[in-house]
Protein backbone atom coordinates (compact mmCIF):
# COMPACT_ATOMS: atom_id res chain seq x y z
CA MET A 1 -31.26 -25.22 79.68
CA PRO A 2 -29.61 -28.47 78.52
CA LEU A 3 -26.82 -29.52 80.76
CA LEU A 4 -23.47 -29.93 78.80
CA GLY A 5 -21.40 -33.10 79.16
CA TRP A 6 -22.89 -34.05 82.39
CA LEU A 7 -21.19 -37.31 83.04
CA TYR A 8 -21.11 -40.16 85.51
CA ASP A 9 -17.27 -41.07 85.22
CA ARG A 10 -17.82 -43.71 88.04
CA LYS A 11 -20.31 -44.70 90.84
CA ASN A 12 -21.25 -41.95 93.29
CA MET A 13 -19.59 -39.33 90.98
CA LEU A 14 -21.02 -36.52 89.06
CA LYS A 15 -19.11 -34.47 86.64
CA LEU A 16 -19.98 -31.45 84.44
CA HIS A 17 -17.42 -30.14 81.65
CA LEU A 18 -17.79 -26.48 80.89
CA LYS A 19 -16.50 -24.09 78.50
CA TYR A 20 -12.66 -22.82 79.56
CA GLU A 21 -12.18 -19.17 80.22
CA ALA A 22 -8.86 -18.19 81.17
CA ASN A 23 -10.22 -15.46 83.18
CA SER A 24 -12.36 -17.20 86.06
CA ALA A 25 -13.57 -14.15 87.58
CA ASP A 26 -16.88 -14.27 85.65
CA LEU A 27 -17.22 -18.17 86.55
CA PHE A 28 -16.69 -17.30 90.07
CA ALA A 29 -19.29 -14.64 89.78
CA ARG A 30 -22.14 -17.03 89.35
CA ILE A 31 -21.61 -18.46 92.39
CA ALA A 32 -20.39 -15.62 94.66
CA HIS A 33 -23.81 -15.00 95.89
CA MET A 34 -23.90 -18.44 97.73
CA PRO A 35 -23.11 -18.91 101.42
CA TRP A 36 -19.33 -19.29 102.34
CA ALA A 37 -18.37 -18.98 98.44
CA MET A 38 -14.41 -19.37 98.50
CA TRP A 39 -12.06 -18.83 95.63
CA LEU A 40 -8.53 -20.23 95.78
CA ASP A 41 -7.34 -18.25 92.68
CA SER A 42 -4.18 -19.14 90.78
CA GLY A 43 -3.81 -15.47 89.72
CA GLN A 44 -4.28 -16.41 85.99
CA PRO A 45 -4.35 -14.87 83.35
CA ALA A 46 -2.20 -12.10 84.84
CA SER A 47 0.86 -14.14 85.22
CA GLY A 48 -0.09 -15.29 88.53
CA ARG A 49 2.04 -18.48 87.51
CA GLY A 50 -0.34 -21.17 89.17
CA ARG A 51 -2.16 -23.82 87.46
CA PHE A 52 -5.58 -24.42 89.02
CA ASP A 53 -8.54 -22.08 90.29
CA ILE A 54 -10.65 -23.92 92.99
CA MET A 55 -14.07 -22.63 93.59
CA VAL A 56 -16.77 -23.66 96.36
CA ALA A 57 -19.97 -22.45 98.10
CA ASN A 58 -22.76 -23.82 100.30
CA PRO A 59 -20.75 -26.48 102.59
CA PHE A 60 -22.84 -28.95 104.05
CA CYS A 61 -20.70 -28.56 107.29
CA THR A 62 -19.04 -25.47 108.92
CA ILE A 63 -16.84 -25.44 111.67
CA ILE A 64 -15.91 -22.27 113.45
CA ALA A 65 -13.56 -21.83 116.15
CA ASP A 66 -13.29 -18.93 118.51
CA THR A 67 -11.20 -18.05 121.61
CA HIS A 68 -12.90 -20.94 124.03
CA HIS A 69 -15.06 -23.38 121.73
CA THR A 70 -15.61 -24.40 118.02
CA ARG A 71 -19.04 -24.60 116.78
CA VAL A 72 -19.79 -27.43 114.07
CA SER A 73 -23.25 -26.83 112.12
CA GLU A 74 -24.84 -29.46 110.09
CA ASN A 75 -28.37 -29.80 108.41
CA GLY A 76 -29.46 -26.89 110.47
CA GLN A 77 -27.87 -28.35 114.30
CA THR A 78 -25.00 -26.82 115.76
CA THR A 79 -23.10 -28.22 118.45
CA LEU A 80 -20.34 -26.77 120.63
CA SER A 81 -17.18 -28.62 121.40
CA ASP A 82 -13.95 -28.02 123.47
CA GLU A 83 -11.98 -30.26 121.36
CA ASP A 84 -8.90 -29.21 119.67
CA PRO A 85 -10.04 -27.55 116.18
CA PHE A 86 -7.71 -29.78 114.06
CA ASP A 87 -8.91 -32.82 115.68
CA ILE A 88 -12.52 -31.85 114.51
CA ILE A 89 -11.47 -31.50 111.07
CA LYS A 90 -9.80 -34.80 111.10
CA GLN A 91 -13.07 -36.16 112.49
CA GLN A 92 -15.17 -34.75 109.86
CA LEU A 93 -12.79 -35.93 107.00
CA ALA A 94 -12.35 -39.35 108.48
CA ARG A 95 -16.32 -39.75 107.89
CA PHE A 96 -15.58 -39.50 103.89
CA PRO A 97 -12.25 -41.25 103.03
CA HIS A 98 -11.56 -41.35 99.36
CA ASP A 99 -8.95 -42.51 97.07
CA ALA A 100 -6.69 -40.02 95.56
CA PHE A 101 -8.50 -37.31 93.37
CA GLU A 102 -7.35 -36.67 89.99
CA LEU A 103 -7.65 -33.03 90.47
CA PRO A 104 -6.26 -31.01 93.44
CA PHE A 105 -9.52 -30.89 95.09
CA GLU A 106 -12.80 -32.64 94.70
CA GLY A 107 -14.41 -31.89 98.00
CA GLY A 108 -13.14 -31.80 101.64
CA ALA A 109 -12.28 -29.13 103.93
CA LEU A 110 -11.52 -25.75 102.59
CA GLY A 111 -10.98 -22.11 104.68
CA TYR A 112 -8.57 -20.39 106.64
CA PHE A 113 -6.92 -20.88 109.95
CA ALA A 114 -5.97 -17.80 111.73
CA TYR A 115 -2.45 -17.02 113.27
CA ASP A 116 -4.41 -16.68 116.57
CA LEU A 117 -5.49 -20.18 116.62
CA GLY A 118 -1.32 -20.92 117.50
CA HIS A 119 -2.28 -20.29 121.17
CA ARG A 120 -4.19 -23.79 120.82
CA ILE A 121 -0.60 -25.19 120.28
CA GLU A 122 2.19 -22.94 121.61
CA GLN A 123 0.97 -22.20 125.05
CA TYR A 124 1.72 -18.69 125.91
CA THR A 125 -0.18 -15.96 128.02
CA ARG A 126 -2.56 -13.85 125.73
CA LEU A 127 -1.89 -10.22 126.15
CA GLN A 128 -3.77 -9.10 123.06
CA SER A 129 -7.38 -8.77 122.90
CA ALA A 130 -9.40 -11.23 120.91
CA SER A 131 -9.08 -11.09 117.11
CA GLU A 132 -12.35 -9.43 115.56
CA ILE A 133 -12.72 -12.62 113.59
CA PRO A 134 -13.14 -16.41 114.35
CA GLU A 135 -9.79 -18.12 114.67
CA MET A 136 -10.76 -20.69 112.02
CA GLN A 137 -13.83 -20.71 109.60
CA VAL A 138 -13.54 -23.91 107.46
CA GLY A 139 -16.29 -25.65 105.29
CA ILE A 140 -16.64 -29.08 104.34
CA TYR A 141 -17.59 -28.94 100.64
CA ASP A 142 -19.02 -31.85 98.69
CA TRP A 143 -18.58 -30.09 95.07
CA ALA A 144 -15.89 -28.07 93.62
CA LEU A 145 -15.52 -25.95 90.31
CA VAL A 146 -11.84 -26.73 89.15
CA VAL A 147 -10.24 -24.67 86.19
CA ASP A 148 -6.82 -26.17 84.80
CA HIS A 149 -5.28 -23.33 83.11
CA GLU A 150 -2.30 -25.52 81.63
CA LEU A 151 -4.91 -27.84 80.00
CA GLY A 152 -7.68 -25.33 79.26
CA GLN A 153 -10.23 -27.31 80.81
CA THR A 154 -13.09 -26.48 83.40
CA CYS A 155 -15.31 -28.71 85.36
CA LEU A 156 -17.81 -29.09 88.13
CA ILE A 157 -17.15 -32.11 90.22
CA SER A 158 -18.88 -33.99 93.14
CA HIS A 159 -18.30 -37.28 94.93
CA LEU A 160 -21.96 -37.21 96.54
CA LYS A 161 -20.77 -37.19 100.02
CA HIS A 162 -23.77 -35.68 101.29
CA PRO A 163 -27.42 -36.28 100.24
CA GLN A 164 -28.18 -32.31 99.76
CA THR A 165 -25.62 -32.44 96.60
CA ALA A 166 -27.70 -35.01 94.66
CA ALA A 167 -30.72 -32.82 95.20
CA GLN A 168 -29.53 -29.83 94.16
CA TRP A 169 -27.28 -30.80 91.30
CA GLU A 170 -29.17 -30.11 88.53
CA GLU A 171 -29.92 -26.53 90.04
CA LEU A 172 -26.28 -26.16 90.50
CA CYS A 173 -25.45 -27.18 86.99
CA ALA A 174 -27.66 -24.54 85.60
CA THR A 175 -26.17 -21.94 87.97
CA VAL A 176 -22.69 -22.53 86.68
CA GLN A 177 -23.50 -22.53 82.95
CA ALA A 178 -25.48 -19.04 83.30
CA HIS A 179 -24.21 -16.72 80.68
CA GLU A 180 -25.52 -13.69 82.06
CA ASP A 181 -24.96 -14.10 85.85
CA LYS A 182 -28.40 -13.70 86.39
CA THR A 183 -28.47 -15.92 89.61
CA SER A 184 -25.80 -13.27 91.48
CA VAL A 185 -26.86 -10.06 92.95
CA GLU A 186 -25.70 -6.72 92.21
CA TYR A 187 -22.85 -5.46 94.40
CA SER A 188 -21.89 -1.98 95.09
CA PRO A 189 -18.23 -1.31 94.83
CA LEU A 190 -15.85 -0.83 97.73
CA ALA A 191 -15.39 2.72 98.37
CA VAL A 192 -12.97 4.36 100.81
CA THR A 193 -14.28 6.72 103.46
CA GLY A 194 -10.87 7.71 105.48
CA GLN A 195 -7.35 7.68 105.25
CA VAL A 196 -4.97 4.84 105.65
CA THR A 197 -3.69 4.65 109.26
CA SER A 198 -1.23 2.36 110.98
CA ASN A 199 -1.46 0.85 114.59
CA MET A 200 2.35 1.76 114.78
CA THR A 201 3.80 5.17 114.42
CA ALA A 202 7.32 5.00 112.84
CA THR A 203 8.51 6.01 116.72
CA GLN A 204 6.52 2.94 118.17
CA TYR A 205 7.99 0.67 115.59
CA ALA A 206 11.44 1.77 116.08
CA GLU A 207 10.63 1.06 120.00
CA ALA A 208 9.48 -2.36 119.15
CA PHE A 209 12.78 -3.01 117.11
CA GLN A 210 14.81 -2.08 119.85
CA ALA A 211 13.00 -4.25 122.36
CA ILE A 212 13.54 -7.32 119.85
CA GLN A 213 17.28 -6.40 119.44
CA GLN A 214 17.66 -6.61 123.58
CA PHE A 215 15.90 -9.97 123.43
CA ILE A 216 18.01 -11.35 120.61
CA HIS A 217 21.38 -9.88 122.36
CA ALA A 218 20.22 -11.49 125.57
CA GLY A 219 19.97 -14.99 123.88
CA ASP A 220 16.48 -15.02 124.13
CA CYS A 221 15.62 -15.74 120.55
CA TYR A 222 17.54 -15.24 117.17
CA GLN A 223 14.73 -13.81 115.04
CA VAL A 224 11.39 -12.18 115.33
CA ASN A 225 8.96 -11.12 112.98
CA LEU A 226 7.46 -7.91 113.57
CA ALA A 227 4.24 -6.74 111.75
CA GLN A 228 2.22 -3.41 111.51
CA ARG A 229 -1.59 -3.46 110.86
CA PHE A 230 -2.82 -0.73 108.50
CA ARG A 231 -6.75 0.15 108.42
CA VAL A 232 -8.89 2.43 106.17
CA ALA A 233 -12.56 3.03 106.68
CA ALA A 234 -14.57 1.77 103.75
CA THR A 235 -18.20 0.74 102.60
CA GLY A 236 -19.55 -1.49 99.86
CA ASP A 237 -18.67 -4.99 99.10
CA ALA A 238 -14.99 -5.97 98.49
CA PHE A 239 -15.51 -8.49 95.54
CA SER A 240 -14.92 -5.90 93.00
CA ALA A 241 -11.55 -4.72 95.08
CA TYR A 242 -10.53 -8.19 94.70
CA CYS A 243 -10.70 -8.38 91.07
CA LYS A 244 -8.83 -5.37 90.65
CA LEU A 245 -6.27 -6.75 93.23
CA ARG A 246 -5.58 -9.86 91.04
CA GLU A 247 -4.82 -7.41 88.20
CA LEU A 248 -2.35 -5.09 90.14
CA SER A 249 -0.52 -8.22 92.20
CA PRO A 250 -1.15 -11.59 90.69
CA ALA A 251 0.20 -14.34 92.88
CA PRO A 252 0.24 -17.95 92.73
CA PHE A 253 -1.80 -18.51 96.10
CA MET A 254 -4.30 -15.47 95.64
CA ALA A 255 -7.86 -15.98 97.31
CA TRP A 256 -11.38 -14.64 98.22
CA MET A 257 -13.43 -15.86 100.95
CA ASN A 258 -16.85 -14.46 102.03
CA VAL A 259 -17.77 -16.13 105.38
CA GLY A 260 -19.51 -14.81 108.39
CA GLN A 261 -23.28 -14.29 108.65
CA ALA A 262 -25.20 -12.80 105.75
CA ASP A 263 -25.80 -9.27 107.54
CA LYS A 264 -22.24 -9.54 109.01
CA PRO A 265 -19.88 -10.61 106.07
CA ILE A 266 -16.28 -11.06 106.62
CA GLN A 267 -14.49 -10.70 103.36
CA ILE A 268 -10.85 -11.88 102.81
CA LEU A 269 -8.60 -10.79 99.99
CA SER A 270 -5.34 -12.33 99.41
CA ALA A 271 -2.36 -12.17 96.92
CA SER A 272 -0.07 -14.37 98.89
CA PRO A 273 3.10 -15.68 97.05
CA GLU A 274 4.15 -18.23 99.74
CA ARG A 275 3.44 -21.58 99.98
CA PHE A 276 3.00 -22.96 103.69
CA LEU A 277 2.51 -26.54 103.19
CA ARG A 278 1.66 -29.19 100.34
CA VAL A 279 0.98 -32.83 100.75
CA VAL A 280 0.37 -35.15 97.73
CA GLY A 281 0.40 -38.90 98.32
CA GLY A 282 2.09 -38.72 101.47
CA ALA A 283 5.03 -36.20 99.97
CA VAL A 284 5.47 -33.18 102.08
CA GLU A 285 6.52 -29.90 100.82
CA THR A 286 6.97 -26.30 102.35
CA ARG A 287 8.71 -23.28 100.71
CA PRO A 288 9.47 -20.70 103.40
CA ILE A 289 10.21 -17.09 102.07
CA LYS A 290 12.69 -15.14 103.85
CA GLY A 291 14.49 -12.09 102.33
CA THR A 292 12.87 -9.25 100.22
CA ARG A 293 13.90 -6.29 98.03
CA PRO A 294 11.45 -3.82 96.17
CA ARG A 295 10.94 -3.97 92.34
CA HIS A 296 11.85 -1.16 90.48
CA LYS A 297 10.72 0.27 87.35
CA ASP A 298 14.13 0.90 85.95
CA MET A 299 15.30 -2.66 84.71
CA GLN A 300 18.81 -1.86 85.75
CA GLN A 301 18.06 -0.78 89.20
CA ASP A 302 15.63 -3.66 89.18
CA ALA A 303 18.27 -6.19 88.56
CA LYS A 304 20.62 -4.52 91.01
CA ASN A 305 18.16 -4.99 93.66
CA ALA A 306 17.71 -8.63 92.80
CA ARG A 307 21.63 -9.41 92.64
CA GLU A 308 21.77 -7.77 95.90
CA LEU A 309 19.18 -9.74 97.53
CA GLN A 310 20.74 -13.13 96.11
CA HIS A 311 24.23 -12.27 97.63
CA SER A 312 23.01 -10.92 100.93
CA ARG A 313 24.39 -12.99 103.58
CA LYS A 314 22.01 -11.24 106.05
CA ASP A 315 19.02 -12.59 104.13
CA GLN A 316 20.43 -15.80 103.62
CA ALA A 317 21.27 -16.08 107.12
CA GLU A 318 17.51 -15.23 107.96
CA ASN A 319 16.10 -17.52 105.22
CA LEU A 320 18.39 -20.45 106.91
CA MET A 321 17.22 -19.97 110.49
CA ILE A 322 13.69 -20.74 109.45
CA VAL A 323 14.46 -23.56 106.93
CA ASP A 324 16.10 -25.15 110.25
CA LEU A 325 12.92 -24.49 112.14
CA LEU A 326 10.61 -25.92 109.53
CA ARG A 327 12.89 -29.17 109.33
CA ASN A 328 12.25 -29.48 113.01
CA ASP A 329 8.65 -29.41 112.74
CA LEU A 330 8.39 -31.53 109.76
CA GLY A 331 10.47 -34.09 111.55
CA LYS A 332 7.65 -34.70 114.32
CA VAL A 333 5.38 -35.87 111.44
CA CYS A 334 7.64 -37.19 108.74
CA GLN A 335 9.44 -40.51 108.53
CA THR A 336 13.08 -40.52 110.23
CA GLY A 337 15.83 -39.31 107.79
CA SER A 338 13.36 -38.18 105.03
CA VAL A 339 13.53 -34.44 105.93
CA GLN A 340 15.74 -32.84 103.13
CA VAL A 341 16.45 -29.22 101.75
CA SER A 342 15.82 -29.45 98.17
CA GLU A 343 16.50 -25.65 97.27
CA LEU A 344 18.10 -22.75 99.34
CA PHE A 345 17.91 -19.19 98.71
CA THR A 346 16.23 -19.18 95.19
CA LEU A 347 15.36 -16.00 93.80
CA GLU A 348 11.49 -15.41 92.90
CA SER A 349 10.19 -12.20 91.70
CA PHE A 350 6.69 -10.84 92.01
CA THR A 351 5.00 -7.65 90.87
CA ASN A 352 6.25 -5.45 93.83
CA VAL A 353 8.80 -7.51 95.66
CA HIS A 354 11.82 -10.04 94.84
CA HIS A 355 12.05 -12.81 97.34
CA LEU A 356 14.42 -15.60 98.48
CA VAL A 357 12.67 -18.95 98.79
CA SER A 358 13.85 -22.30 100.04
CA THR A 359 12.21 -25.71 99.83
CA VAL A 360 12.09 -28.22 102.42
CA ARG A 361 10.54 -31.88 101.62
CA GLY A 362 9.73 -35.17 103.72
CA LYS A 363 7.90 -38.05 103.45
CA LEU A 364 4.56 -38.40 105.81
CA ALA A 365 5.25 -40.93 108.67
CA GLU A 366 2.85 -43.85 109.15
CA ASN A 367 -0.51 -43.00 110.69
CA MET A 368 -0.09 -39.38 110.25
CA THR A 369 -2.21 -37.22 108.16
CA ALA A 370 -2.38 -33.90 106.46
CA VAL A 371 -3.96 -32.24 109.28
CA ASP A 372 -1.23 -33.60 111.76
CA VAL A 373 1.16 -31.70 109.33
CA LEU A 374 -0.53 -28.67 109.48
CA ARG A 375 -0.86 -28.54 113.42
CA ALA A 376 2.70 -29.73 113.67
CA CYS A 377 3.91 -26.73 111.66
CA PHE A 378 1.45 -24.04 112.69
CA PRO A 379 1.74 -21.17 112.45
CA GLY A 380 4.61 -21.01 109.82
CA GLY A 381 8.13 -20.27 111.24
CA SER A 382 8.59 -17.67 108.49
CA ILE A 383 6.09 -15.42 110.17
CA THR A 384 6.96 -15.97 113.74
CA GLY A 385 10.80 -16.06 114.28
CA ALA A 386 13.16 -18.61 115.82
CA PRO A 387 12.55 -20.35 118.31
CA LYS A 388 8.94 -20.28 117.29
CA LEU A 389 7.37 -19.86 120.85
CA ARG A 390 9.81 -17.34 122.32
CA ALA A 391 9.11 -15.35 119.13
CA MET A 392 5.40 -15.77 119.24
CA GLN A 393 5.69 -14.50 122.89
CA ILE A 394 7.45 -11.67 122.03
CA ILE A 395 5.15 -10.73 119.14
CA GLU A 396 2.16 -11.07 121.36
CA SER A 397 4.10 -8.50 123.79
CA LEU A 398 5.13 -5.89 121.11
CA GLU A 399 2.47 -5.94 118.39
CA PRO A 400 -0.56 -3.97 119.40
CA ASP A 401 -3.41 -5.92 117.90
CA SER A 402 -4.17 -9.68 117.11
CA ARG A 403 -3.38 -10.74 113.73
CA GLY A 404 -6.04 -12.59 112.79
CA VAL A 405 -6.02 -14.15 109.34
CA TYR A 406 -2.54 -12.59 108.63
CA CYS A 407 0.27 -15.21 108.89
CA GLY A 408 -2.09 -18.45 109.63
CA ALA A 409 -3.25 -20.41 106.69
CA ILE A 410 -5.69 -20.53 103.84
CA GLY A 411 -6.32 -23.62 101.83
CA TYR A 412 -7.54 -26.87 101.50
CA ILE A 413 -7.56 -30.84 103.00
CA GLY A 414 -9.38 -32.89 100.59
CA PHE A 415 -11.33 -36.38 101.34
CA ASP A 416 -8.34 -38.19 99.71
CA GLY A 417 -5.90 -36.94 102.39
CA ASN A 418 -3.99 -34.24 100.04
CA MET A 419 -3.52 -30.56 101.29
CA ASP A 420 -2.25 -27.27 99.98
CA MET A 421 -2.19 -24.30 102.46
CA ASN A 422 -0.46 -21.16 101.52
CA ILE A 423 0.64 -18.43 104.39
CA PRO A 424 -1.89 -15.32 103.97
CA ILE A 425 0.48 -12.39 103.62
CA ARG A 426 -0.29 -9.46 101.32
CA THR A 427 -3.87 -10.27 102.71
CA ALA A 428 -6.97 -8.02 103.85
CA VAL A 429 -9.78 -8.45 105.90
CA TYR A 430 -12.77 -6.34 105.56
CA GLN A 431 -15.75 -6.33 107.84
CA ASN A 432 -17.69 -3.75 109.62
CA GLN A 433 -16.95 -1.00 107.26
CA LYS A 434 -13.18 -1.65 108.09
CA PHE A 435 -10.38 -2.94 105.49
CA ASP A 436 -7.47 -3.98 107.19
CA PHE A 437 -4.21 -5.32 106.01
CA TRP A 438 -0.65 -6.19 107.54
CA ALA A 439 3.09 -6.05 106.48
CA GLY A 440 5.93 -7.38 108.29
CA GLY A 441 9.48 -8.69 108.39
CA GLY A 442 12.00 -10.65 110.16
CA ILE A 443 14.27 -9.05 112.68
CA VAL A 444 17.89 -10.30 113.62
CA ALA A 445 20.78 -9.16 115.17
CA ASP A 446 22.18 -7.21 112.47
CA SER A 447 19.11 -5.84 111.03
CA GLU A 448 18.62 -1.99 110.56
CA MET A 449 15.65 -0.35 111.82
CA GLU A 450 15.07 1.99 108.89
CA LYS A 451 15.38 -1.03 106.39
CA GLU A 452 13.22 -3.13 108.22
CA TYR A 453 10.61 -0.33 108.61
CA LYS A 454 10.63 0.70 104.94
CA GLU A 455 10.37 -3.24 104.05
CA THR A 456 7.38 -3.28 105.56
CA TRP A 457 5.75 -0.56 103.58
CA ASP A 458 7.37 -2.04 100.12
CA LYS A 459 5.32 -5.22 101.36
CA ALA A 460 2.53 -3.29 101.92
CA SER A 461 2.43 -1.58 98.64
CA ALA A 462 0.18 -3.67 96.51
CA MET A 463 -2.71 -3.00 99.04
CA LEU A 464 -1.94 0.66 99.14
CA GLU A 465 -1.75 0.64 95.36
CA LEU A 466 -5.20 -1.01 95.55
CA ILE A 467 -6.83 1.44 97.86
CA ALA A 468 -5.57 4.35 95.70
CA THR A 469 -7.54 2.88 92.73
CA LEU A 470 -10.66 2.61 94.78
CA PRO A 471 -13.76 5.25 94.64
CA GLN A 472 -13.83 7.76 97.34
CA GLY A 473 -16.67 8.08 99.56
CA ALA A 474 -18.36 10.82 101.18
CA HIS A 475 -16.00 11.05 104.08
CA ALA A 476 -12.54 10.27 102.57
CA HIS A 477 -11.11 13.79 102.73
CA ARG A 478 -12.50 15.15 106.05
């Protein structure tokens, strides 16, 4: 097969231009069978409002952190480390420094950081059992498929940081140019085999809500994010379900990840609207979401819901608490006086909900890196509460199960030092024939239990709608 547009743009760089397709699902399917295939998806063409899709697979190094150790694997060798996982990523990226990329990501670290990794930063007593998935799974990738939906361009690019890339480049080019998807395997569609259940009954949620109110009135905290986990039994492969999710609930920070071992895959489906942290050329940005109303099919009622949210003093106060928390977090790693709030309480509307979003920006301090920013702000204040440590302690005592990926971070840190991370809300994890997803909301002094409980179901509506579209397995109606 001839290689189309195979260019040596500069020394130690290979770039292959490909035909642009508005829907990137077919392109990703050509590499989906590869180890550690991941897709940071802008939600296009279904009005996800993002610009770039980033696809990777077959990292030359993997970094997996559990409760006690971190495993670093490269060239068939694995080492165990007790070092801080964030420091390990800094060390790996420092091996391959690079000037600023033209595209958002042309190689570097990409993966997930689970909420539970926060115990490495904020010291608190672990009361919940360990998560069923590792606390961090990050690959160091030497090539990427990048789709620019604004310019209508697609390319495969590498800066040849690792010897295996040059050796495999021609085969990789042939794979991504395949028109019949002959290199991928057939996946059995995901089918549900049970009923959706929650780890909290309505009564248990109410009891947790009242406990938080007592903590607030005692002066322990100002806000706590309380979440419930939903679960349904399922069989098959979740990639087809992810393709359906991106049709039903497009979002600017969607993601698909297939990690874990070949015989025990961990598949992550995310349709997040929330940017956590972005670092570009030393400019730092965070965009916390606080304040939610459901969308409505009736246009007048939908507009009423949006206006109510925009003028809700309670939701504005809740949002402002998190803005102040993030200003403090960014102050640890940004130049003194550079942290500013550029937008407050902006209305953003998505498929199932309206949100209030604020924007905080700063300038990276000298000798600080994007990894330092991530660690300083992790986990995000919008999904913990304020003050952060006390809120996390309360969450640990009231939520029945570990959060795992939910409310952690998903995204990339490039060899060029730039970073883009989202907070994985509206996110599901499929493994061991269990399809888990979460929904929560911030509780403050004037919160009303019934409204907060309903809000969790509003936020879970995209996943519940997805499950309703999936085929029913043999045991679904027992």
